[in-house]
Amino acid sequence: MEYFNCGGSRCLITDILIANGRYKENTNKKYPVYRPRIKKFYPNAQLVLDGKKKDIEVLGEKFSLNMETLKDIHSDAITACKISDEEDGSVVKAVINEHIEKHGPPLSILYDNSSANLSSEVSVIGHLKFPR
């Protein structure tokens, strides 16, 4: 067997063999381009909980309000929303309870580490109503 000094790159050697008809590319891939993987999404599986502070001006008077929203990741639909003076555990609890009453218990809720989300009121809801 002869060895040629052509860089030794496997890619270069493969390209040369393909060009000369000596190598056939593997076209039997698991997921070809014309048949992509099937993606499954389940509504009410994952929700995102977030509170935003909004400043509103009415007739020259400024109001600062908190808008707590619960959104479905799959559909981007806002499933529950409450407006309050500030973000606390009771508002978060009310938003979660509103969603559960309308749509049933979700599989998971993603939220940040704010004191309202980590309050004892919210953790009690998670242990009682969410399926395990």
C-alpha atoms as a PDB file:
ATOM      1  CA  MET A   1       0.000   0.000   0.000  1.00  0.00           C
ATOM      2  CA  GLU A   2       1.306   3.395  -0.970  1.00  0.00           C
ATOM      3  CA  TYR A   3       1.041   6.467   1.217  1.00  0.00           C
ATOM      4  CA  PHE A   4       0.685   9.856  -0.399  1.00  0.00           C
ATOM      5  CA  ASN A   5       1.582  13.046   1.383  1.00  0.00           C
ATOM      6  CA  CYS A   6      -1.654  14.979   0.822  1.00  0.00           C
ATOM      7  CA  GLY A   7      -2.131  16.526   4.241  1.00  0.00           C
ATOM      8  CA  GLY A   8      -3.736  13.499   5.838  1.00  0.00           C
ATOM      9  CA  SER A   9      -7.036  15.263   6.357  1.00  0.00           C
ATOM     10  CA  ARG A  10      -9.861  12.741   6.427  1.00  0.00           C
ATOM     11  CA  CYS A  11     -12.206  15.343   4.927  1.00  0.00           C
ATOM     12  CA  LEU A  12      -9.850  16.001   2.022  1.00  0.00           C
ATOM     13  CA  ILE A  13      -9.407  12.295   1.333  1.00  0.00           C
ATOM     14  CA  THR A  14     -13.182  11.728   1.479  1.00  0.00           C
ATOM     15  CA  ASP A  15     -13.749  14.605  -0.973  1.00  0.00           C
ATOM     16  CA  ILE A  16     -11.214  13.111  -3.393  1.00  0.00           C
ATOM     17  CA  LEU A  17     -12.806   9.649  -3.184  1.00  0.00           C
ATOM     18  CA  ILE A  18     -16.313  11.071  -3.750  1.00  0.00           C
ATOM     19  CA  ALA A  19     -15.091  13.079  -6.775  1.00  0.00           C
ATOM     20  CA  ASN A  20     -13.601   9.927  -8.317  1.00  0.00           C
ATOM     21  CA  GLY A  21     -16.697   7.816  -7.625  1.00  0.00           C
ATOM     22  CA  ARG A  22     -14.869   5.565  -5.140  1.00  0.00           C
ATOM     23  CA  TYR A  23     -16.890   6.515  -2.040  1.00  0.00           C
ATOM     24  CA  LYS A  24     -20.619   6.823  -1.514  1.00  0.00           C
ATOM     25  CA  GLU A  25     -21.953   9.254   1.079  1.00  0.00           C
ATOM     26  CA  ASN A  26     -24.236   7.883   3.758  1.00  0.00           C
ATOM     27  CA  THR A  27     -27.671   9.182   2.739  1.00  0.00           C
ATOM     28  CA  ASN A  28     -29.561   6.917   5.139  1.00  0.00           C
ATOM     29  CA  LYS A  29     -29.583   9.338   8.057  1.00  0.00           C
ATOM     30  CA  LYS A  30     -31.969   8.892  10.942  1.00  0.00           C
ATOM     31  CA  TYR A  31     -33.822  12.144  10.265  1.00  0.00           C
ATOM     32  CA  PRO A  32     -33.377  13.318   6.657  1.00  0.00           C
ATOM     33  CA  VAL A  33     -34.140  16.903   5.676  1.00  0.00           C
ATOM     34  CA  TYR A  34     -37.418  16.047   3.946  1.00  0.00           C
ATOM     35  CA  ARG A  35     -38.705  14.173   7.020  1.00  0.00           C
ATOM     36  CA  PRO A  36     -37.939  16.213  10.160  1.00  0.00           C
ATOM     37  CA  ARG A  37     -38.606  15.032  13.702  1.00  0.00           C
ATOM     38  CA  ILE A  38     -42.120  15.411  15.006  1.00  0.00           C
ATOM     39  CA  LYS A  39     -42.291  17.965  17.792  1.00  0.00           C
ATOM     40  CA  LYS A  40     -44.953  17.535  20.436  1.00  0.00           C
ATOM     41  CA  PHE A  41     -46.139  20.350  22.616  1.00  0.00           C
ATOM     42  CA  TYR A  42     -48.578  20.028  25.458  1.00  0.00           C
ATOM     43  CA  PRO A  43     -50.684  22.985  26.568  1.00  0.00           C
ATOM     44  CA  ASN A  44     -50.749  23.652  30.321  1.00  0.00           C
ATOM     45  CA  ALA A  45     -47.480  21.743  30.775  1.00  0.00           C
ATOM     46  CA  GLN A  46     -45.124  24.661  31.481  1.00  0.00           C
ATOM     47  CA  LEU A  47     -46.103  28.111  32.650  1.00  0.00           C
ATOM     48  CA  VAL A  48     -44.072  31.249  33.317  1.00  0.00           C
ATOM     49  CA  LEU A  49     -44.950  33.494  36.271  1.00  0.00           C
ATOM     50  CA  ASP A  50     -43.676  37.060  36.355  1.00  0.00           C
ATOM     51  CA  GLY A  51     -44.552  40.369  37.966  1.00  0.00           C
ATOM     52  CA  LYS A  52     -43.820  43.697  36.277  1.00  0.00           C
ATOM     53  CA  LYS A  53     -43.997  47.162  37.757  1.00  0.00           C
ATOM     54  CA  LYS A  54     -45.952  49.513  35.480  1.00  0.00           C
ATOM     55  CA  ASP A  55     -46.166  53.285  35.763  1.00  0.00           C
ATOM     56  CA  ILE A  56     -49.426  54.804  34.550  1.00  0.00           C
ATOM     57  CA  GLU A  57     -50.258  58.492  34.220  1.00  0.00           C
ATOM     58  CA  VAL A  58     -53.922  59.556  34.376  1.00  0.00           C
ATOM     59  CA  LEU A  59     -54.779  63.269  34.124  1.00  0.00           C
ATOM     60  CA  GLY A  60     -51.289  64.235  35.228  1.00  0.00           C
ATOM     61  CA  GLU A  61     -51.296  61.921  38.263  1.00  0.00           C
ATOM     62  CA  LYS A  62     -48.824  59.025  38.273  1.00  0.00           C
ATOM     63  CA  PHE A  63     -49.696  55.576  39.614  1.00  0.00           C
ATOM     64  CA  SER A  64     -47.279  52.715  40.131  1.00  0.00           C
ATOM     65  CA  LEU A  65     -48.912  49.283  39.857  1.00  0.00           C
ATOM     66  CA  ASN A  66     -47.742  45.686  39.760  1.00  0.00           C
ATOM     67  CA  MET A  67     -49.041  43.363  37.035  1.00  0.00           C
ATOM     68  CA  GLU A  68     -48.596  39.673  37.877  1.00  0.00           C
ATOM     69  CA  THR A  69     -49.090  37.409  34.847  1.00  0.00           C
ATOM     70  CA  LEU A  70     -49.060  33.672  34.260  1.00  0.00           C
ATOM     71  CA  LYS A  71     -48.289  32.672  30.676  1.00  0.00           C
ATOM     72  CA  ASP A  72     -48.360  29.306  28.869  1.00  0.00           C
ATOM     73  CA  ILE A  73     -45.011  28.658  27.169  1.00  0.00           C
ATOM     74  CA  HIS A  74     -46.477  26.618  24.292  1.00  0.00           C
ATOM     75  CA  SER A  75     -49.146  29.039  23.130  1.00  0.00           C
ATOM     76  CA  ASP A  76     -47.863  32.353  24.592  1.00  0.00           C
ATOM     77  CA  ALA A  77     -51.366  32.865  26.007  1.00  0.00           C
ATOM     78  CA  ILE A  78     -51.763  34.795  29.238  1.00  0.00           C
ATOM     79  CA  THR A  79     -53.859  32.413  31.304  1.00  0.00           C
ATOM     80  CA  ALA A  80     -54.189  34.503  34.481  1.00  0.00           C
ATOM     81  CA  CYS A  81     -53.424  38.100  35.435  1.00  0.00           C
ATOM     82  CA  LYS A  82     -53.837  40.306  38.533  1.00  0.00           C
ATOM     83  CA  ILE A  83     -53.104  43.984  39.058  1.00  0.00           C
ATOM     84  CA  SER A  84     -52.123  45.123  42.554  1.00  0.00           C
ATOM     85  CA  ASP A  85     -50.277  47.889  44.376  1.00  0.00           C
ATOM     86  CA  GLU A  86     -47.199  45.735  44.994  1.00  0.00           C
ATOM     87  CA  GLU A  87     -45.919  42.228  44.387  1.00  0.00           C
ATOM     88  CA  ASP A  88     -46.528  39.942  47.349  1.00  0.00           C
ATOM     89  CA  GLY A  89     -47.387  36.317  48.073  1.00  0.00           C
ATOM     90  CA  SER A  90     -51.161  36.826  48.159  1.00  0.00           C
ATOM     91  CA  VAL A  91     -51.214  38.212  44.599  1.00  0.00           C
ATOM     92  CA  VAL A  92     -49.060  35.351  43.312  1.00  0.00           C
ATOM     93  CA  LYS A  93     -51.349  32.885  45.091  1.00  0.00           C
ATOM     94  CA  ALA A  94     -54.439  34.518  43.548  1.00  0.00           C
ATOM     95  CA  VAL A  95     -52.950  34.306  40.027  1.00  0.00           C
ATOM     96  CA  ILE A  96     -52.060  30.617  40.413  1.00  0.00           C
ATOM     97  CA  ASN A  97     -55.496  29.805  41.870  1.00  0.00           C
ATOM     98  CA  GLU A  98     -57.200  31.656  38.989  1.00  0.00           C
ATOM     99  CA  HIS A  99     -55.271  29.566  36.465  1.00  0.00           C
ATOM    100  CA  ILE A 100     -56.065  26.311  38.282  1.00  0.00           C
ATOM    101  CA  GLU A 101     -59.791  27.152  38.381  1.00  0.00           C
ATOM    102  CA  LYS A 102     -59.911  27.941  34.636  1.00  0.00           C
ATOM    103  CA  HIS A 103     -57.469  25.412  33.143  1.00  0.00           C
ATOM    104  CA  GLY A 104     -56.617  22.848  35.794  1.00  0.00           C
ATOM    105  CA  PRO A 105     -53.267  22.255  37.518  1.00  0.00           C
ATOM    106  CA  PRO A 106     -50.153  22.717  35.345  1.00  0.00           C
ATOM    107  CA  LEU A 107     -47.239  20.310  35.305  1.00  0.00           C
ATOM    108  CA  SER A 108     -44.700  23.039  36.147  1.00  0.00           C
ATOM    109  CA  ILE A 109     -44.394  26.769  36.786  1.00  0.00           C
ATOM    110  CA  LEU A 110     -41.160  28.648  36.132  1.00  0.00           C
ATOM    111  CA  TYR A 111     -40.529  31.773  38.217  1.00  0.00           C
ATOM    112  CA  ASP A 112     -37.704  33.917  39.528  1.00  0.00           C
ATOM    113  CA  ASN A 113     -36.392  34.073  43.091  1.00  0.00           C
ATOM    114  CA  SER A 114     -38.357  37.102  44.268  1.00  0.00           C
ATOM    115  CA  SER A 115     -39.610  37.120  47.834  1.00  0.00           C
ATOM    116  CA  ALA A 116     -43.254  37.013  46.653  1.00  0.00           C
ATOM    117  CA  ASN A 117     -42.697  33.845  44.603  1.00  0.00           C
ATOM    118  CA  LEU A 118     -40.819  32.106  47.424  1.00  0.00           C
ATOM    119  CA  SER A 119     -43.306  33.028  50.155  1.00  0.00           C
ATOM    120  CA  SER A 120     -44.955  30.373  52.297  1.00  0.00           C
ATOM    121  CA  GLU A 121     -48.396  31.104  50.764  1.00  0.00           C
ATOM    122  CA  VAL A 122     -47.177  30.131  47.310  1.00  0.00           C
ATOM    123  CA  SER A 123     -45.264  27.035  48.434  1.00  0.00           C
ATOM    124  CA  VAL A 124     -48.386  25.676  50.173  1.00  0.00           C
ATOM    125  CA  ILE A 125     -50.350  25.896  46.893  1.00  0.00           C
ATOM    126  CA  GLY A 126     -47.648  23.923  45.088  1.00  0.00           C
ATOM    127  CA  HIS A 127     -47.749  21.063  47.567  1.00  0.00           C
ATOM    128  CA  LEU A 128     -51.551  20.805  47.658  1.00  0.00           C
ATOM    129  CA  LYS A 129     -52.737  21.271  44.095  1.00  0.00           C
ATOM    130  CA  PHE A 130     -49.968  20.327  41.668  1.00  0.00           C
ATOM    131  CA  PRO A 131     -49.800  16.701  40.510  1.00  0.00           C
ATOM    132  CA  ARG A 132     -46.685  14.751  41.346  1.00  0.00           C
END
